[in-house]
Amino acid sequence: MTKQLYPLLLISFIGSFGLSVVLPFLVFLVNDFGGNPFVNGMMELLTLHFN
């Protein structure tokens, strides 16, 4: 693998890592702000859609 691909792989890893950190805690954040299961589902859907 050439060194030219390393920045691309790093960016991809950081994006995947950020998503894997946000999704488990999104349930607790929605519940703390008074959201119901529908709001939680919509937040997860939008998070995955825009990432």
C-alpha atoms as a PDB file:
ATOM      1  CA  MET A   1       0.000   0.000   0.000  1.00  0.00           C
ATOM      2  CA  THR A   2       1.410   3.372  -0.940  1.00  0.00           C
ATOM      3  CA  LYS A   3       1.875   6.215   1.459  1.00  0.00           C
ATOM      4  CA  GLN A   4      -0.567   8.309  -0.553  1.00  0.00           C
ATOM      5  CA  LEU A   5      -3.490   6.311   0.849  1.00  0.00           C
ATOM      6  CA  TYR A   6      -2.617   6.855   4.515  1.00  0.00           C
ATOM      7  CA  PRO A   7      -4.418  10.228   4.876  1.00  0.00           C
ATOM      8  CA  LEU A   8      -7.538   8.778   3.268  1.00  0.00           C
ATOM      9  CA  LEU A   9      -7.483   5.756   5.565  1.00  0.00           C
ATOM     10  CA  LEU A  10      -6.927   7.997   8.601  1.00  0.00           C
ATOM     11  CA  ILE A  11      -9.906  10.191   7.696  1.00  0.00           C
ATOM     12  CA  SER A  12     -12.078   7.121   7.187  1.00  0.00           C
ATOM     13  CA  PHE A  13     -10.986   5.659  10.531  1.00  0.00           C
ATOM     14  CA  ILE A  14     -11.680   8.894  12.410  1.00  0.00           C
ATOM     15  CA  GLY A  15     -15.164   9.127  10.877  1.00  0.00           C
ATOM     16  CA  SER A  16     -16.004   5.535  11.781  1.00  0.00           C
ATOM     17  CA  PHE A  17     -14.606   5.932  15.280  1.00  0.00           C
ATOM     18  CA  GLY A  18     -16.616   9.096  15.880  1.00  0.00           C
ATOM     19  CA  LEU A  19     -19.821   7.406  14.782  1.00  0.00           C
ATOM     20  CA  SER A  20     -19.174   4.400  17.018  1.00  0.00           C
ATOM     21  CA  VAL A  21     -18.687   6.726  19.994  1.00  0.00           C
ATOM     22  CA  VAL A  22     -21.778   8.879  19.369  1.00  0.00           C
ATOM     23  CA  LEU A  23     -24.420   6.216  18.721  1.00  0.00           C
ATOM     24  CA  PRO A  24     -24.286   4.364  22.077  1.00  0.00           C
ATOM     25  CA  PHE A  25     -24.570   7.622  24.044  1.00  0.00           C
ATOM     26  CA  LEU A  26     -27.271   9.111  21.841  1.00  0.00           C
ATOM     27  CA  VAL A  27     -29.964   7.107  23.678  1.00  0.00           C
ATOM     28  CA  PHE A  28     -28.976   8.639  27.017  1.00  0.00           C
ATOM     29  CA  LEU A  29     -28.751  12.160  25.591  1.00  0.00           C
ATOM     30  CA  VAL A  30     -32.218  11.956  24.048  1.00  0.00           C
ATOM     31  CA  ASN A  31     -33.693  10.607  27.290  1.00  0.00           C
ATOM     32  CA  ASP A  32     -32.009  13.342  29.355  1.00  0.00           C
ATOM     33  CA  PHE A  33     -33.529  16.016  27.136  1.00  0.00           C
ATOM     34  CA  GLY A  34     -36.999  14.487  27.426  1.00  0.00           C
ATOM     35  CA  GLY A  35     -37.246  12.645  24.133  1.00  0.00           C
ATOM     36  CA  ASN A  36     -39.369   9.558  23.592  1.00  0.00           C
ATOM     37  CA  PRO A  37     -38.425   6.384  21.644  1.00  0.00           C
ATOM     38  CA  PHE A  38     -39.698   7.905  18.385  1.00  0.00           C
ATOM     39  CA  VAL A  39     -37.402  10.918  18.781  1.00  0.00           C
ATOM     40  CA  ASN A  40     -34.533   8.585  19.630  1.00  0.00           C
ATOM     41  CA  GLY A  41     -35.134   6.577  16.463  1.00  0.00           C
ATOM     42  CA  MET A  42     -35.299   9.707  14.352  1.00  0.00           C
ATOM     43  CA  MET A  43     -32.062  11.036  15.861  1.00  0.00           C
ATOM     44  CA  GLU A  44     -30.255   7.772  15.135  1.00  0.00           C
ATOM     45  CA  LEU A  45     -31.684   7.697  11.612  1.00  0.00           C
ATOM     46  CA  LEU A  46     -30.561  11.253  10.917  1.00  0.00           C
ATOM     47  CA  THR A  47     -27.134  10.659  12.463  1.00  0.00           C
ATOM     48  CA  LEU A  48     -26.537   7.655  10.214  1.00  0.00           C
ATOM     49  CA  HIS A  49     -28.022   9.401   7.195  1.00  0.00           C
ATOM     50  CA  PHE A  50     -25.837  12.495   7.396  1.00  0.00           C
ATOM     51  CA  ASN A  51     -22.650  10.636   8.235  1.00  0.00           C
END
